Amino acid sequence: MITATIPYEGGLYEGQVVNGEPHGWGKLTYLNDVVYEGDWRKGQEHGHGTITWRNGSLYSGEFDQGEPFSTSKHFLAYIYELEQKRQEIRAMKVVIAELMEDLELQKETTMQVQLTLDMWHSRFDMLFKVAKDAGADASLLVAI
């Protein structure tokens, strides 16, 4: 087994090679910056390895003849992250429900205040009219 850097599957392989193929431990970097680093057997990912994508996502687990076959850290991390997001959404729903209740109370209070103001405005208009009809000085009434 020798260590070499060779073009392989549209990328650049660095690691152990047998008969011109990856075999043993090595790292393959594809042109799109996807990287597999781990065990190889007869030119295929085989054994433990990690694939890292450009965005930082990764799969770390076991491979069999080029295919992942175990529950991976990537999948478990995804499930954990998904559950965290669900919990955040549940918490936001609770906050939104509380805000809606508060908003409804504020709406009712505002409507009560408006009704009270309308009632007093109506009474004032009525008193103003009665006072004016009784001969009160309108300029004094406006000052009130």
Protein backbone atom coordinates (compact mmCIF):
# COMPACT_ATOMS: atom_id res chain seq x y z
CA MET A 1 0.00 0.00 0.00
CA ILE A 2 1.34 3.41 -0.95
CA THR A 3 0.24 6.93 -0.10
CA ALA A 4 -0.53 9.14 -3.08
CA THR A 5 -2.52 12.05 -4.41
CA ILE A 6 -4.53 11.08 -7.49
CA PRO A 7 -7.47 12.39 -9.50
CA TYR A 8 -10.48 10.24 -8.63
CA GLU A 9 -14.25 10.39 -9.39
CA GLY A 10 -14.17 14.05 -10.42
CA GLY A 11 -12.12 15.14 -7.45
CA LEU A 12 -8.72 14.81 -5.84
CA TYR A 13 -7.94 11.86 -3.57
CA GLU A 14 -5.15 11.97 -0.98
CA GLY A 15 -4.37 8.82 0.94
CA GLN A 16 -3.55 5.16 0.72
CA VAL A 17 -3.77 3.51 -2.71
CA VAL A 18 -3.67 -0.08 -3.98
CA ASN A 19 -3.66 -0.83 -7.73
CA GLY A 20 -4.40 2.84 -8.51
CA GLU A 21 -7.55 2.91 -6.33
CA PRO A 22 -8.24 4.31 -2.87
CA HIS A 23 -7.77 1.55 -0.30
CA GLY A 24 -7.13 2.15 3.40
CA TRP A 25 -7.50 5.62 4.83
CA GLY A 26 -7.92 8.69 2.62
CA LYS A 27 -9.62 11.93 1.77
CA LEU A 28 -11.48 12.73 -1.46
CA THR A 29 -12.29 16.37 -2.21
CA TYR A 30 -14.78 16.84 -5.05
CA LEU A 31 -14.78 19.93 -7.28
CA ASN A 32 -17.95 21.18 -5.51
CA ASP A 33 -16.06 21.18 -2.17
CA VAL A 34 -17.82 18.08 -0.84
CA VAL A 35 -15.26 16.05 1.13
CA TYR A 36 -15.25 12.39 2.14
CA GLU A 37 -12.62 11.46 4.70
CA GLY A 38 -12.32 7.98 6.09
CA ASP A 39 -11.83 4.33 5.26
CA TRP A 40 -11.74 2.99 1.69
CA ARG A 41 -11.85 -0.50 0.24
CA LYS A 42 -11.28 -1.28 -3.44
CA GLY A 43 -12.11 2.27 -4.55
CA GLN A 44 -15.26 2.67 -2.45
CA GLU A 45 -16.05 4.30 0.86
CA HIS A 46 -16.08 1.35 3.25
CA GLY A 47 -15.82 1.42 7.04
CA HIS A 48 -15.98 4.58 9.11
CA GLY A 49 -16.00 7.94 7.34
CA THR A 50 -17.35 11.46 7.24
CA ILE A 51 -18.86 13.41 4.35
CA THR A 52 -18.81 17.19 4.79
CA TRP A 53 -20.81 19.46 2.48
CA ARG A 54 -19.94 23.03 1.57
CA ASN A 55 -22.62 24.42 3.93
CA GLY A 56 -21.06 22.61 6.91
CA SER A 57 -23.57 19.76 7.08
CA LEU A 58 -22.02 16.40 7.62
CA TYR A 59 -22.68 12.69 7.76
CA SER A 60 -20.41 10.74 10.04
CA GLY A 61 -20.95 7.02 10.26
CA GLU A 62 -20.35 3.67 8.69
CA PHE A 63 -20.18 2.98 4.95
CA ASP A 64 -20.57 -0.31 3.11
CA GLN A 65 -19.41 -0.46 -0.51
CA GLY A 66 -19.82 3.27 -1.00
CA GLU A 67 -23.17 3.60 0.79
CA PRO A 68 -23.91 4.84 4.32
CA PHE A 69 -25.66 2.15 6.33
CA SER A 70 -25.79 3.15 9.98
CA THR A 71 -27.70 5.71 11.99
CA SER A 72 -25.53 8.71 11.51
CA LYS A 73 -24.56 11.63 13.70
CA HIS A 74 -25.83 13.86 10.89
CA PHE A 75 -29.30 12.32 11.04
CA LEU A 76 -29.41 12.42 14.84
CA ALA A 77 -28.26 16.05 14.83
CA TYR A 78 -30.98 16.83 12.28
CA ILE A 79 -33.63 15.13 14.43
CA TYR A 80 -32.41 17.02 17.52
CA GLU A 81 -32.45 20.34 15.63
CA LEU A 82 -35.92 19.58 14.27
CA GLU A 83 -37.23 18.88 17.78
CA GLN A 84 -35.65 22.12 19.04
CA LYS A 85 -37.44 24.04 16.27
CA ARG A 86 -40.74 22.33 17.14
CA GLN A 87 -40.33 23.33 20.79
CA GLU A 88 -39.59 26.91 19.75
CA ILE A 89 -42.73 26.94 17.60
CA ARG A 90 -44.83 25.57 20.48
CA ALA A 91 -43.44 28.27 22.78
CA MET A 92 -44.17 30.96 20.17
CA LYS A 93 -47.75 29.68 19.84
CA VAL A 94 -48.22 30.05 23.61
CA VAL A 95 -46.84 33.60 23.52
CA ILE A 96 -49.04 34.49 20.55
CA ALA A 97 -52.13 33.08 22.33
CA GLU A 98 -51.31 35.16 25.43
CA LEU A 99 -50.79 38.27 23.30
CA MET A 100 -54.12 37.65 21.55
CA GLU A 101 -55.85 37.44 24.95
CA ASP A 102 -54.19 40.69 26.04
CA LEU A 103 -55.15 42.31 22.76
CA GLU A 104 -58.77 41.23 23.18
CA LEU A 105 -58.83 42.70 26.72
CA GLN A 106 -57.33 45.96 25.42
CA LYS A 107 -59.93 46.03 22.65
CA GLU A 108 -62.77 45.59 25.16
CA THR A 109 -61.31 48.29 27.44
CA THR A 110 -60.91 50.67 24.50
CA MET A 111 -64.51 50.07 23.45
CA GLN A 112 -65.75 50.74 27.01
CA VAL A 113 -63.74 53.96 27.22
CA GLN A 114 -65.08 55.06 23.83
CA LEU A 115 -68.67 54.35 24.91
CA THR A 116 -68.11 56.34 28.12
CA LEU A 117 -66.63 59.26 26.17
CA ASP A 118 -69.52 59.15 23.70
CA MET A 119 -72.02 59.15 26.58
CA TRP A 120 -70.38 62.17 28.28
CA HIS A 121 -70.05 64.00 24.96
CA SER A 122 -73.74 63.43 24.32
CA ARG A 123 -74.65 64.66 27.82
CA PHE A 124 -72.44 67.74 27.41
CA ASP A 125 -74.03 68.53 24.04
CA MET A 126 -77.46 68.20 25.63
CA LEU A 127 -76.51 70.45 28.60
CA PHE A 128 -74.93 72.99 26.20
CA LYS A 129 -78.14 73.10 24.16
CA VAL A 130 -80.33 73.46 27.28
CA ALA A 131 -78.11 76.23 28.66
CA LYS A 132 -78.01 78.06 25.34
CA ASP A 133 -81.79 77.75 24.92
CA ALA A 134 -82.19 79.13 28.45
CA GLY A 135 -80.27 82.23 27.42
CA ALA A 136 -76.81 81.49 28.75
CA ASP A 137 -73.94 83.32 27.08
CA ALA A 138 -72.57 80.90 24.41
CA SER A 139 -69.04 82.30 24.74
CA LEU A 140 -68.99 81.31 28.41
CA LEU A 141 -70.32 77.85 27.60
CA VAL A 142 -67.64 77.25 24.96
CA ALA A 143 -64.96 78.15 27.51
CA ILE A 144 -66.12 75.25 29.67
